[in-house]
Amino acid sequence: MLITRLSQTILITGVATLLMAANASAGTITYTTNSPGTEFVAGNIGINSLTLDSSSGQDATLLFTPNAESVTGFPSNINYGDFFLSCATCTLTQNTVFGAFTFDLVIVDATDGAIGEFVGSSGGGTVSSNTSTINVSWVPLQLGPGTLNATSGSFGATIFGNSGITEIVAPNSGDPGNTTVQGQIDSAPEPATLAMFGGGLLAIGVLGRKKLLLRQHLETR
């Protein structure tokens, strides 16, 4: 009877531990991309700014609008900010050219007190009123625990992911010139939580075996 009660108690403890881990993963994270260091880098115009000017052809701008503060649960898809491509005089026959550039996207994880950086590189491209050949490729694709991509602080169990490639849409696209930088946020299981849960399961197994051996012993008497 005592062994049965102990087994039930440990089983309940193990389930409670699992539920605690599940509740932790359903928490929220506050992050921002509106911090010093988020900017266009390189290129011959618009260096160290949130605005990049065209290098030739019609006058045009590529503007990045960061997120001042976002609160989200995880796992979920998230928005790191928006690129807005504007060219007031671009037509089907008159176009503009953006030279090669890089873009540093700094993530500030206010919940865990961490800072990380995605670096986007682009070969530039040609833009008309309804076409754009500009793509931004991001490296690294992940910031978080166990990686070498964090520039400072600790991300705890939080993982920020990036979609990999951002295609800059044309000024007269369906969502005129507006491109969202897509990402993901998730949480890695804490090693301590896994160890506790595994230990509870091991204890249940040991007590269950002892109970079986005791029952067999009593039946043979």
N, C-alpha and C. Protein backbone atom coordinates (compact mmCIF):
# COMPACT_ATOMS: atom_id res chain seq x y z
N MET A 1 0.83 -1.20 0.00
CA MET A 1 0.00 0.00 0.00
C MET A 1 0.87 1.25 0.00
N LEU A 2 1.91 1.23 0.88
CA LEU A 2 2.81 2.37 0.98
C LEU A 2 3.54 2.60 -0.34
N ILE A 3 3.99 1.51 -0.96
CA ILE A 3 4.69 1.63 -2.24
C ILE A 3 3.76 2.19 -3.31
N THR A 4 2.50 1.73 -3.28
CA THR A 4 1.53 2.23 -4.26
C THR A 4 1.34 3.73 -4.10
N ARG A 5 1.22 4.20 -2.84
CA ARG A 5 1.03 5.62 -2.60
C ARG A 5 2.26 6.43 -3.03
N LEU A 6 3.44 5.87 -2.73
CA LEU A 6 4.67 6.56 -3.15
C LEU A 6 4.75 6.68 -4.66
N SER A 7 4.36 5.59 -5.35
CA SER A 7 4.38 5.61 -6.81
C SER A 7 3.43 6.67 -7.35
N GLN A 8 2.23 6.73 -6.74
CA GLN A 8 1.25 7.71 -7.19
C GLN A 8 1.74 9.14 -6.93
N THR A 9 2.38 9.33 -5.77
CA THR A 9 2.89 10.66 -5.42
C THR A 9 3.95 11.12 -6.41
N ILE A 10 4.88 10.22 -6.74
CA ILE A 10 5.96 10.58 -7.66
C ILE A 10 5.41 10.80 -9.06
N LEU A 11 4.41 9.99 -9.45
CA LEU A 11 3.79 10.16 -10.75
C LEU A 11 3.15 11.53 -10.85
N ILE A 12 2.43 11.93 -9.79
CA ILE A 12 1.79 13.24 -9.77
C ILE A 12 2.84 14.34 -9.84
N THR A 13 3.96 14.15 -9.10
CA THR A 13 5.05 15.13 -9.13
C THR A 13 5.63 15.27 -10.53
N GLY A 14 5.82 14.11 -11.20
CA GLY A 14 6.36 14.14 -12.56
C GLY A 14 5.45 14.86 -13.51
N VAL A 15 4.13 14.60 -13.40
CA VAL A 15 3.16 15.28 -14.25
C VAL A 15 3.15 16.77 -13.96
N ALA A 16 3.24 17.13 -12.68
CA ALA A 16 3.25 18.53 -12.30
C ALA A 16 4.47 19.24 -12.88
N THR A 17 5.61 18.55 -12.84
CA THR A 17 6.83 19.12 -13.41
C THR A 17 6.67 19.37 -14.90
N LEU A 18 6.05 18.40 -15.60
CA LEU A 18 5.82 18.55 -17.03
C LEU A 18 4.88 19.72 -17.31
N LEU A 19 3.84 19.85 -16.47
CA LEU A 19 2.90 20.95 -16.66
C LEU A 19 3.57 22.28 -16.40
N MET A 20 4.47 22.33 -15.41
CA MET A 20 5.21 23.56 -15.14
C MET A 20 6.06 23.95 -16.34
N ALA A 21 6.70 22.95 -16.96
CA ALA A 21 7.51 23.22 -18.15
C ALA A 21 6.64 23.73 -19.29
N ALA A 22 5.45 23.13 -19.44
CA ALA A 22 4.53 23.56 -20.50
C ALA A 22 4.07 24.99 -20.26
N ASN A 23 3.77 25.31 -18.97
CA ASN A 23 3.35 26.67 -18.65
C ASN A 23 4.46 27.67 -18.92
N ALA A 24 5.70 27.29 -18.63
CA ALA A 24 6.83 28.18 -18.87
C ALA A 24 6.96 28.47 -20.36
N SER A 25 6.73 27.45 -21.19
CA SER A 25 6.87 27.63 -22.64
C SER A 25 5.74 28.47 -23.22
N ALA A 26 4.68 28.68 -22.42
CA ALA A 26 3.55 29.49 -22.89
C ALA A 26 3.67 30.93 -22.41
N GLY A 27 4.87 31.31 -21.93
CA GLY A 27 5.09 32.67 -21.44
C GLY A 27 5.21 33.66 -22.57
N THR A 28 5.59 34.88 -22.23
CA THR A 28 5.73 35.94 -23.22
C THR A 28 7.15 36.51 -23.20
N ILE A 29 7.56 37.04 -24.33
CA ILE A 29 8.86 37.67 -24.48
C ILE A 29 8.65 39.08 -25.04
N THR A 30 9.33 40.05 -24.47
CA THR A 30 9.31 41.41 -24.98
C THR A 30 10.62 41.68 -25.71
N TYR A 31 10.53 42.12 -26.94
CA TYR A 31 11.73 42.39 -27.72
C TYR A 31 11.54 43.65 -28.56
N THR A 32 12.64 44.19 -29.04
CA THR A 32 12.60 45.37 -29.88
C THR A 32 13.71 45.32 -30.91
N THR A 33 13.49 45.98 -32.06
CA THR A 33 14.56 46.15 -33.05
C THR A 33 14.90 47.62 -33.22
N ASN A 34 14.35 48.45 -32.32
CA ASN A 34 14.56 49.89 -32.38
C ASN A 34 15.69 50.28 -31.43
N SER A 35 16.90 49.92 -31.79
CA SER A 35 18.03 50.18 -30.92
C SER A 35 19.24 50.61 -31.74
N PRO A 36 20.20 51.29 -31.12
CA PRO A 36 21.42 51.68 -31.85
C PRO A 36 22.09 50.45 -32.47
N GLY A 37 22.51 50.58 -33.70
CA GLY A 37 23.15 49.46 -34.41
C GLY A 37 22.27 48.87 -35.48
N THR A 38 20.95 49.10 -35.39
CA THR A 38 20.06 48.68 -36.47
C THR A 38 20.14 49.73 -37.57
N GLU A 39 20.75 49.37 -38.73
CA GLU A 39 21.01 50.38 -39.74
C GLU A 39 21.55 49.76 -41.03
N PHE A 40 21.47 50.52 -42.11
CA PHE A 40 22.13 50.17 -43.36
C PHE A 40 23.63 50.43 -43.20
N VAL A 41 24.44 49.51 -43.71
CA VAL A 41 25.88 49.65 -43.66
C VAL A 41 26.41 49.40 -45.07
N ALA A 42 27.51 50.08 -45.43
CA ALA A 42 28.12 49.95 -46.75
C ALA A 42 27.23 50.62 -47.79
N GLY A 43 27.50 50.39 -49.07
CA GLY A 43 26.82 51.15 -50.09
C GLY A 43 27.44 52.54 -50.15
N ASN A 44 27.22 53.26 -51.21
CA ASN A 44 27.87 54.56 -51.35
C ASN A 44 27.02 55.71 -50.85
N ILE A 45 25.75 55.42 -50.48
CA ILE A 45 24.86 56.47 -49.97
C ILE A 45 24.04 55.88 -48.82
N GLY A 46 23.66 56.70 -47.88
CA GLY A 46 22.82 56.23 -46.80
C GLY A 46 23.53 55.33 -45.82
N ILE A 47 24.83 55.56 -45.60
CA ILE A 47 25.60 54.73 -44.68
C ILE A 47 25.20 55.03 -43.24
N ASN A 48 25.10 53.98 -42.42
CA ASN A 48 24.77 54.10 -41.00
C ASN A 48 23.49 54.91 -40.78
N SER A 49 22.44 54.49 -41.43
CA SER A 49 21.15 55.16 -41.35
C SER A 49 20.07 54.12 -41.57
N LEU A 50 18.83 54.48 -41.23
CA LEU A 50 17.69 53.60 -41.51
C LEU A 50 17.16 53.82 -42.92
N THR A 51 17.76 54.74 -43.67
CA THR A 51 17.32 55.03 -45.04
C THR A 51 18.47 54.82 -46.01
N LEU A 52 18.19 54.08 -47.08
CA LEU A 52 19.17 53.88 -48.15
C LEU A 52 18.65 54.53 -49.42
N ASP A 53 19.47 55.38 -50.04
CA ASP A 53 19.08 56.05 -51.29
C ASP A 53 19.54 55.25 -52.50
N SER A 54 18.82 55.40 -53.60
CA SER A 54 19.20 54.73 -54.84
C SER A 54 20.55 55.25 -55.32
N SER A 55 21.28 54.41 -56.04
CA SER A 55 22.61 54.79 -56.50
C SER A 55 22.61 55.39 -57.90
N SER A 56 21.58 55.12 -58.70
CA SER A 56 21.48 55.70 -60.04
C SER A 56 20.04 55.60 -60.53
N GLY A 57 19.73 56.28 -61.61
CA GLY A 57 18.37 56.27 -62.14
C GLY A 57 17.47 57.23 -61.39
N GLN A 58 16.19 56.89 -61.29
CA GLN A 58 15.22 57.74 -60.61
C GLN A 58 15.54 57.80 -59.11
N ASP A 59 15.16 58.90 -58.48
CA ASP A 59 15.37 59.03 -57.04
C ASP A 59 14.43 58.08 -56.30
N ALA A 60 14.99 57.27 -55.43
CA ALA A 60 14.20 56.30 -54.68
C ALA A 60 14.86 56.08 -53.33
N THR A 61 14.08 55.57 -52.38
CA THR A 61 14.60 55.28 -51.04
C THR A 61 14.11 53.92 -50.57
N LEU A 62 14.93 53.28 -49.77
CA LEU A 62 14.55 52.05 -49.08
C LEU A 62 14.67 52.35 -47.60
N LEU A 63 13.53 52.41 -46.91
CA LEU A 63 13.46 52.82 -45.51
C LEU A 63 13.11 51.62 -44.64
N PHE A 64 13.84 51.47 -43.51
CA PHE A 64 13.50 50.43 -42.55
C PHE A 64 12.80 51.04 -41.36
N THR A 65 11.63 50.49 -41.02
CA THR A 65 10.88 50.92 -39.84
C THR A 65 10.97 49.83 -38.78
N PRO A 66 11.69 50.06 -37.69
CA PRO A 66 11.86 49.03 -36.66
C PRO A 66 10.64 48.92 -35.76
N ASN A 67 10.65 47.89 -34.92
CA ASN A 67 9.63 47.75 -33.89
C ASN A 67 10.13 48.39 -32.60
N ALA A 68 9.37 49.36 -32.09
CA ALA A 68 9.77 50.01 -30.85
C ALA A 68 9.68 49.03 -29.69
N GLU A 69 8.63 48.21 -29.66
CA GLU A 69 8.48 47.19 -28.62
C GLU A 69 7.39 46.22 -29.04
N SER A 70 7.68 44.93 -28.94
CA SER A 70 6.70 43.90 -29.26
C SER A 70 6.67 42.88 -28.14
N VAL A 71 5.47 42.44 -27.81
CA VAL A 71 5.29 41.40 -26.79
C VAL A 71 4.60 40.23 -27.47
N THR A 72 5.18 39.04 -27.34
CA THR A 72 4.60 37.88 -28.02
C THR A 72 4.78 36.63 -27.16
N GLY A 73 3.86 35.69 -27.35
CA GLY A 73 4.03 34.37 -26.76
C GLY A 73 4.89 33.53 -27.67
N PHE A 74 5.25 32.34 -27.21
CA PHE A 74 6.07 31.48 -28.06
C PHE A 74 5.67 30.03 -27.83
N PRO A 75 5.80 29.19 -28.87
CA PRO A 75 6.35 29.52 -30.20
C PRO A 75 5.35 30.31 -31.04
N SER A 76 5.86 31.20 -31.87
CA SER A 76 5.00 31.96 -32.76
C SER A 76 5.84 32.63 -33.84
N ASN A 77 5.17 33.06 -34.90
CA ASN A 77 5.82 33.86 -35.93
C ASN A 77 5.83 35.32 -35.48
N ILE A 78 6.90 36.03 -35.81
CA ILE A 78 7.03 37.39 -35.35
C ILE A 78 7.50 38.31 -36.47
N ASN A 79 7.40 39.61 -36.21
CA ASN A 79 7.76 40.65 -37.15
C ASN A 79 8.92 41.45 -36.55
N TYR A 80 10.03 41.52 -37.26
CA TYR A 80 11.19 42.27 -36.78
C TYR A 80 11.16 43.72 -37.24
N GLY A 81 10.29 44.08 -38.16
CA GLY A 81 10.24 45.43 -38.72
C GLY A 81 9.88 45.36 -40.20
N ASP A 82 9.88 46.52 -40.86
CA ASP A 82 9.45 46.58 -42.26
C ASP A 82 10.40 47.42 -43.11
N PHE A 83 10.65 46.92 -44.32
CA PHE A 83 11.32 47.71 -45.35
C PHE A 83 10.23 48.36 -46.21
N PHE A 84 10.39 49.65 -46.50
CA PHE A 84 9.44 50.33 -47.36
C PHE A 84 10.19 50.94 -48.55
N LEU A 85 9.88 50.46 -49.75
CA LEU A 85 10.53 50.92 -50.98
C LEU A 85 9.65 51.96 -51.65
N SER A 86 10.21 53.15 -51.86
CA SER A 86 9.45 54.25 -52.45
C SER A 86 10.20 54.82 -53.66
N CYS A 87 9.46 55.00 -54.75
CA CYS A 87 10.02 55.63 -55.95
C CYS A 87 8.88 56.35 -56.66
N ALA A 88 8.73 57.64 -56.38
CA ALA A 88 7.58 58.40 -56.87
C ALA A 88 7.56 58.53 -58.38
N THR A 89 8.74 58.51 -59.02
CA THR A 89 8.79 58.73 -60.47
C THR A 89 9.08 57.45 -61.26
N CYS A 90 9.14 56.32 -60.58
CA CYS A 90 9.39 55.06 -61.30
C CYS A 90 8.15 54.65 -62.10
N THR A 91 8.38 54.25 -63.32
CA THR A 91 7.31 53.73 -64.18
C THR A 91 7.79 52.42 -64.78
N LEU A 92 7.03 51.89 -65.73
CA LEU A 92 7.45 50.65 -66.39
C LEU A 92 8.71 50.87 -67.22
N THR A 93 8.90 52.11 -67.69
CA THR A 93 10.07 52.40 -68.54
C THR A 93 11.16 53.18 -67.81
N GLN A 94 10.79 53.88 -66.76
CA GLN A 94 11.77 54.62 -65.97
C GLN A 94 12.00 53.89 -64.66
N ASN A 95 13.23 53.51 -64.40
CA ASN A 95 13.51 52.73 -63.19
C ASN A 95 14.72 53.29 -62.45
N THR A 96 15.04 52.62 -61.36
CA THR A 96 16.15 53.05 -60.52
C THR A 96 16.99 51.86 -60.11
N VAL A 97 18.19 52.12 -59.62
CA VAL A 97 19.12 51.06 -59.23
C VAL A 97 19.61 51.32 -57.81
N PHE A 98 19.59 50.27 -57.01
CA PHE A 98 20.21 50.30 -55.68
C PHE A 98 21.49 49.47 -55.74
N GLY A 99 22.58 50.04 -55.23
CA GLY A 99 23.83 49.31 -55.18
C GLY A 99 23.83 48.28 -54.06
N ALA A 100 24.89 47.47 -54.00
CA ALA A 100 25.01 46.46 -52.95
C ALA A 100 25.06 47.12 -51.58
N PHE A 101 24.46 46.45 -50.59
CA PHE A 101 24.47 46.99 -49.23
C PHE A 101 24.36 45.85 -48.23
N THR A 102 24.65 46.16 -46.99
CA THR A 102 24.36 45.24 -45.88
C THR A 102 23.47 45.97 -44.89
N PHE A 103 22.74 45.18 -44.10
CA PHE A 103 21.85 45.76 -43.10
C PHE A 103 21.99 44.99 -41.80
N ASP A 104 22.30 45.71 -40.72
CA ASP A 104 22.45 45.09 -39.40
C ASP A 104 21.14 45.24 -38.64
N LEU A 105 20.57 44.12 -38.23
CA LEU A 105 19.31 44.11 -37.49
C LEU A 105 19.59 43.64 -36.07
N VAL A 106 19.52 44.57 -35.13
CA VAL A 106 19.84 44.27 -33.73
C VAL A 106 18.57 43.92 -32.97
N ILE A 107 18.57 42.76 -32.33
CA ILE A 107 17.44 42.30 -31.51
C ILE A 107 17.77 42.53 -30.05
N VAL A 108 16.91 43.27 -29.34
CA VAL A 108 17.06 43.44 -27.91
C VAL A 108 15.96 42.64 -27.22
N ASP A 109 16.35 41.61 -26.51
CA ASP A 109 15.41 40.76 -25.78
C ASP A 109 15.30 41.31 -24.36
N ALA A 110 14.28 42.15 -24.13
CA ALA A 110 14.14 42.81 -22.83
C ALA A 110 13.81 41.82 -21.72
N THR A 111 13.11 40.74 -22.03
CA THR A 111 12.72 39.77 -21.01
C THR A 111 13.94 39.06 -20.43
N ASP A 112 14.87 38.65 -21.29
CA ASP A 112 16.04 37.92 -20.82
C ASP A 112 17.28 38.81 -20.70
N GLY A 113 17.15 40.10 -21.05
CA GLY A 113 18.28 41.00 -20.96
C GLY A 113 19.40 40.64 -21.91
N ALA A 114 19.06 40.38 -23.18
CA ALA A 114 20.06 39.93 -24.15
C ALA A 114 20.00 40.76 -25.42
N ILE A 115 21.12 40.80 -26.12
CA ILE A 115 21.20 41.50 -27.40
C ILE A 115 21.85 40.58 -28.42
N GLY A 116 21.26 40.50 -29.61
CA GLY A 116 21.83 39.71 -30.70
C GLY A 116 21.69 40.46 -32.00
N GLU A 117 22.37 39.99 -33.02
CA GLU A 117 22.37 40.72 -34.29
C GLU A 117 22.28 39.78 -35.48
N PHE A 118 21.31 40.05 -36.37
CA PHE A 118 21.24 39.42 -37.69
C PHE A 118 21.88 40.36 -38.69
N VAL A 119 22.66 39.84 -39.61
CA VAL A 119 23.28 40.67 -40.65
C VAL A 119 22.69 40.29 -42.00
N GLY A 120 22.11 41.27 -42.68
CA GLY A 120 21.53 41.04 -44.00
C GLY A 120 22.44 41.60 -45.08
N SER A 121 22.64 40.82 -46.12
CA SER A 121 23.46 41.28 -47.24
C SER A 121 22.64 41.24 -48.53
N SER A 122 22.90 42.22 -49.40
CA SER A 122 22.15 42.31 -50.65
C SER A 122 23.09 42.78 -51.76
N GLY A 123 22.90 42.23 -52.94
CA GLY A 123 23.64 42.68 -54.10
C GLY A 123 22.99 43.87 -54.77
N GLY A 124 21.93 44.40 -54.13
CA GLY A 124 21.19 45.51 -54.73
C GLY A 124 20.29 45.01 -55.84
N GLY A 125 19.86 45.90 -56.71
CA GLY A 125 18.99 45.49 -57.81
C GLY A 125 18.31 46.66 -58.47
N THR A 126 17.52 46.34 -59.48
CA THR A 126 16.80 47.34 -60.27
C THR A 126 15.33 47.35 -59.88
N VAL A 127 14.76 48.55 -59.79
CA VAL A 127 13.37 48.71 -59.38
C VAL A 127 12.64 49.57 -60.41
N SER A 128 11.45 49.12 -60.81
CA SER A 128 10.54 49.95 -61.60
C SER A 128 9.26 50.09 -60.78
N SER A 129 8.20 50.57 -61.41
CA SER A 129 6.96 50.79 -60.65
C SER A 129 6.38 49.50 -60.09
N ASN A 130 6.53 48.39 -60.83
CA ASN A 130 5.90 47.15 -60.36
C ASN A 130 6.85 45.95 -60.34
N THR A 131 8.16 46.19 -60.40
CA THR A 131 9.12 45.08 -60.29
C THR A 131 10.27 45.48 -59.37
N SER A 132 10.81 44.49 -58.70
CA SER A 132 11.97 44.70 -57.84
C SER A 132 12.80 43.43 -57.83
N THR A 133 14.11 43.58 -57.96
CA THR A 133 15.02 42.42 -57.94
C THR A 133 15.89 42.43 -56.68
N ILE A 134 15.49 43.21 -55.67
CA ILE A 134 16.29 43.33 -54.44
C ILE A 134 15.90 42.23 -53.46
N ASN A 135 16.89 41.48 -53.00
CA ASN A 135 16.71 40.49 -51.94
C ASN A 135 17.73 40.74 -50.84
N VAL A 136 17.34 40.44 -49.60
CA VAL A 136 18.26 40.54 -48.47
C VAL A 136 18.40 39.15 -47.86
N SER A 137 19.62 38.64 -47.80
CA SER A 137 19.90 37.31 -47.23
C SER A 137 20.48 37.50 -45.84
N TRP A 138 19.90 36.77 -44.86
CA TRP A 138 20.27 36.97 -43.46
C TRP A 138 21.20 35.87 -42.94
N VAL A 139 22.23 36.30 -42.22
CA VAL A 139 23.13 35.39 -41.51
C VAL A 139 23.49 36.07 -40.20
N PRO A 140 23.40 35.36 -39.08
CA PRO A 140 22.96 33.98 -38.91
C PRO A 140 21.43 33.86 -38.98
N LEU A 141 20.94 32.64 -38.93
CA LEU A 141 19.51 32.40 -38.98
C LEU A 141 18.91 32.18 -37.59
N GLN A 142 19.75 32.16 -36.57
CA GLN A 142 19.26 31.91 -35.22
C GLN A 142 20.09 32.65 -34.19
N LEU A 143 19.41 33.19 -33.18
CA LEU A 143 20.06 33.79 -32.02
C LEU A 143 19.45 33.14 -30.78
N GLY A 144 20.28 32.73 -29.85
CA GLY A 144 19.72 32.14 -28.65
C GLY A 144 20.68 31.27 -27.90
N PRO A 145 20.18 30.46 -26.98
CA PRO A 145 21.03 29.66 -26.11
C PRO A 145 21.84 28.63 -26.89
N GLY A 146 23.09 28.46 -26.50
CA GLY A 146 23.93 27.45 -27.12
C GLY A 146 24.49 27.85 -28.46
N THR A 147 24.31 29.12 -28.86
CA THR A 147 24.86 29.56 -30.14
C THR A 147 25.97 30.56 -29.88
N LEU A 148 26.75 30.85 -30.90
CA LEU A 148 27.80 31.85 -30.81
C LEU A 148 27.37 33.17 -31.42
N ASN A 149 26.06 33.31 -31.68
CA ASN A 149 25.58 34.48 -32.41
C ASN A 149 25.15 35.63 -31.51
N ALA A 150 25.08 35.42 -30.21
CA ALA A 150 24.69 36.49 -29.31
C ALA A 150 25.86 37.43 -29.10
N THR A 151 25.62 38.74 -29.30
CA THR A 151 26.71 39.70 -29.14
C THR A 151 26.92 40.07 -27.68
N SER A 152 25.88 39.90 -26.84
CA SER A 152 26.03 40.16 -25.42
C SER A 152 24.84 39.58 -24.68
N GLY A 153 24.98 39.47 -23.37
CA GLY A 153 23.87 39.03 -22.53
C GLY A 153 23.59 37.54 -22.65
N SER A 154 22.46 37.13 -22.04
CA SER A 154 22.03 35.73 -22.06
C SER A 154 20.59 35.66 -22.53
N PHE A 155 20.31 34.78 -23.50
CA PHE A 155 18.96 34.62 -24.01
C PHE A 155 18.14 33.62 -23.21
N GLY A 156 18.71 33.07 -22.14
CA GLY A 156 17.99 32.05 -21.40
C GLY A 156 17.62 30.91 -22.32
N ALA A 157 16.33 30.56 -22.34
CA ALA A 157 15.87 29.48 -23.22
C ALA A 157 15.26 30.01 -24.51
N THR A 158 15.29 31.32 -24.72
CA THR A 158 14.62 31.93 -25.85
C THR A 158 15.45 31.84 -27.12
N ILE A 159 14.81 31.45 -28.22
CA ILE A 159 15.46 31.35 -29.52
C ILE A 159 14.75 32.27 -30.51
N PHE A 160 15.51 33.19 -31.13
CA PHE A 160 14.99 34.03 -32.20
C PHE A 160 15.46 33.44 -33.53
N GLY A 161 14.54 33.24 -34.46
CA GLY A 161 14.89 32.72 -35.78
C GLY A 161 14.58 33.74 -36.85
N ASN A 162 15.21 33.57 -38.01
CA ASN A 162 14.98 34.47 -39.13
C ASN A 162 14.58 33.65 -40.35
N SER A 163 13.76 34.25 -41.23
CA SER A 163 13.23 33.52 -42.38
C SER A 163 14.30 33.20 -43.42
N GLY A 164 15.46 33.86 -43.37
CA GLY A 164 16.53 33.54 -44.29
C GLY A 164 16.68 34.55 -45.42
N ILE A 165 15.62 34.77 -46.18
CA ILE A 165 15.67 35.72 -47.29
C ILE A 165 14.45 36.65 -47.23
N THR A 166 14.70 37.95 -47.37
CA THR A 166 13.62 38.93 -47.45
C THR A 166 13.61 39.52 -48.85
N GLU A 167 12.52 39.34 -49.56
CA GLU A 167 12.39 39.87 -50.92
C GLU A 167 11.72 41.24 -50.84
N ILE A 168 12.44 42.27 -51.28
CA ILE A 168 11.91 43.64 -51.23
C ILE A 168 10.94 43.84 -52.39
N VAL A 169 9.68 44.16 -52.07
CA VAL A 169 8.65 44.26 -53.10
C VAL A 169 8.64 45.65 -53.74
N ALA A 170 8.08 45.73 -54.93
CA ALA A 170 8.06 46.95 -55.73
C ALA A 170 7.12 48.01 -55.15
N PRO A 171 7.32 49.28 -55.54
CA PRO A 171 6.46 50.37 -55.03
C PRO A 171 4.98 50.17 -55.30
N ASN A 172 4.63 49.60 -56.46
CA ASN A 172 3.23 49.43 -56.81
C ASN A 172 2.77 47.98 -56.68
N SER A 173 3.36 47.27 -55.73
CA SER A 173 2.92 45.89 -55.47
C SER A 173 1.57 45.92 -54.75
N GLY A 174 1.03 44.75 -54.45
CA GLY A 174 -0.26 44.70 -53.77
C GLY A 174 -0.25 45.41 -52.43
N ASP A 175 0.90 45.32 -51.71
CA ASP A 175 1.07 46.06 -50.46
C ASP A 175 2.16 47.07 -50.75
N PRO A 176 1.80 48.24 -51.29
CA PRO A 176 2.77 49.10 -51.98
C PRO A 176 4.10 49.30 -51.28
N GLY A 177 5.11 48.64 -51.81
CA GLY A 177 6.46 48.83 -51.34
C GLY A 177 6.78 48.34 -49.95
N ASN A 178 5.84 47.71 -49.26
CA ASN A 178 6.03 47.32 -47.87
C ASN A 178 6.39 45.84 -47.75
N THR A 179 7.51 45.55 -47.11
CA THR A 179 7.99 44.18 -46.91
C THR A 179 8.28 43.95 -45.44
N THR A 180 7.64 42.95 -44.85
CA THR A 180 7.88 42.62 -43.45
C THR A 180 9.04 41.64 -43.33
N VAL A 181 9.92 41.90 -42.37
CA VAL A 181 11.00 40.96 -42.07
C VAL A 181 10.44 39.89 -41.15
N GLN A 182 10.31 38.68 -41.68
CA GLN A 182 9.65 37.60 -40.96
C GLN A 182 10.63 36.85 -40.06
N GLY A 183 10.13 36.39 -38.92
CA GLY A 183 10.96 35.59 -38.03
C GLY A 183 10.12 34.67 -37.18
N GLN A 184 10.79 33.95 -36.29
CA GLN A 184 10.12 33.04 -35.37
C GLN A 184 10.74 33.20 -33.99
N ILE A 185 9.95 32.87 -32.98
CA ILE A 185 10.47 32.86 -31.62
C ILE A 185 10.02 31.56 -30.95
N ASP A 186 10.93 30.93 -30.23
CA ASP A 186 10.64 29.65 -29.60
C ASP A 186 11.44 29.55 -28.31
N SER A 187 11.26 28.45 -27.61
CA SER A 187 11.95 28.23 -26.35
C SER A 187 12.56 26.85 -26.31
N ALA A 188 13.82 26.77 -25.94
CA ALA A 188 14.48 25.48 -25.79
C ALA A 188 14.23 24.95 -24.38
N PRO A 189 14.01 23.63 -24.21
CA PRO A 189 13.81 23.08 -22.86
C PRO A 189 15.03 23.32 -21.98
N GLU A 190 14.77 23.74 -20.75
CA GLU A 190 15.87 23.93 -19.81
C GLU A 190 16.44 22.58 -19.42
N PRO A 191 17.77 22.41 -19.40
CA PRO A 191 18.38 21.13 -19.00
C PRO A 191 17.96 20.68 -17.61
N ALA A 192 17.81 21.66 -16.69
CA ALA A 192 17.43 21.30 -15.32
C ALA A 192 16.03 20.71 -15.28
N THR A 193 15.12 21.29 -16.09
CA THR A 193 13.75 20.77 -16.12
C THR A 193 13.70 19.36 -16.68
N LEU A 194 14.46 19.13 -17.75
CA LEU A 194 14.52 17.80 -18.33
C LEU A 194 15.09 16.79 -17.34
N ALA A 195 16.11 17.22 -16.59
CA ALA A 195 16.73 16.32 -15.62
C ALA A 195 15.76 15.96 -14.51
N MET A 196 15.00 16.96 -14.03
CA MET A 196 14.02 16.70 -12.97
C MET A 196 12.94 15.73 -13.44
N PHE A 197 12.44 15.98 -14.66
CA PHE A 197 11.38 15.12 -15.18
C PHE A 197 11.90 13.71 -15.41
N GLY A 198 13.13 13.61 -15.96
CA GLY A 198 13.72 12.29 -16.19
C GLY A 198 13.96 11.56 -14.89
N GLY A 199 14.39 12.31 -13.85
CA GLY A 199 14.61 11.69 -12.55
C GLY A 199 13.32 11.16 -11.96
N GLY A 200 12.22 11.92 -12.15
CA GLY A 200 10.93 11.46 -11.64
C GLY A 200 10.49 10.18 -12.32
N LEU A 201 10.65 10.10 -13.64
CA LEU A 201 10.29 8.89 -14.37
C LEU A 201 11.14 7.71 -13.93
N LEU A 202 12.44 7.94 -13.67
CA LEU A 202 13.34 6.88 -13.23
C LEU A 202 12.91 6.36 -11.87
N ALA A 203 12.53 7.28 -10.98
CA ALA A 203 12.10 6.86 -9.65
C ALA A 203 10.83 6.02 -9.72
N ILE A 204 9.92 6.44 -10.61
CA ILE A 204 8.68 5.68 -10.79
C ILE A 204 9.00 4.26 -11.26
N GLY A 205 9.93 4.16 -12.20
CA GLY A 205 10.32 2.85 -12.72
C GLY A 205 10.94 1.97 -11.65
N VAL A 206 11.79 2.56 -10.82
CA VAL A 206 12.46 1.77 -9.75
C VAL A 206 11.44 1.29 -8.74
N LEU A 207 10.53 2.18 -8.30
CA LEU A 207 9.54 1.77 -7.32
C LEU A 207 8.56 0.75 -7.90
N GLY A 208 8.24 0.92 -9.17
CA GLY A 208 7.35 -0.05 -9.81
C GLY A 208 7.97 -1.43 -9.84
N ARG A 209 9.28 -1.52 -10.10
CA ARG A 209 9.96 -2.81 -10.12
C ARG A 209 10.00 -3.43 -8.72
N LYS A 210 10.27 -2.57 -7.72
CA LYS A 210 10.29 -3.09 -6.34
C LYS A 210 8.92 -3.62 -5.95
N LYS A 211 7.87 -2.93 -6.35
CA LYS A 211 6.52 -3.38 -6.03
C LYS A 211 6.23 -4.74 -6.68
N LEU A 212 6.66 -4.89 -7.93
CA LEU A 212 6.46 -6.16 -8.63
C LEU A 212 7.21 -7.29 -7.95
N LEU A 213 8.45 -7.06 -7.54
CA LEU A 213 9.25 -8.09 -6.87
C LEU A 213 8.62 -8.46 -5.53
N LEU A 214 8.11 -7.46 -4.79
CA LEU A 214 7.47 -7.75 -3.51
C LEU A 214 6.22 -8.59 -3.69
N ARG A 215 5.43 -8.27 -4.70
CA ARG A 215 4.21 -9.03 -4.97
C ARG A 215 4.54 -10.48 -5.31
N GLN A 216 5.58 -10.65 -6.16
CA GLN A 216 6.00 -12.02 -6.53
C GLN A 216 6.48 -12.79 -5.30
N HIS A 217 7.17 -12.11 -4.41
CA HIS A 217 7.69 -12.76 -3.20
C HIS A 217 6.53 -13.21 -2.32
N LEU A 218 5.50 -12.34 -2.15
CA LEU A 218 4.37 -12.71 -1.31
C LEU A 218 3.57 -13.86 -1.90
N GLU A 219 3.48 -13.87 -3.25
CA GLU A 219 2.68 -14.94 -3.87
C GLU A 219 3.37 -16.30 -3.76
N THR A 220 4.68 -16.33 -3.63
CA THR A 220 5.38 -17.61 -3.55
C THR A 220 5.44 -18.15 -2.13
N ARG A 221 5.01 -17.37 -1.15
CA ARG A 221 5.05 -17.82 0.25
C ARG A 221 3.87 -18.70 0.58
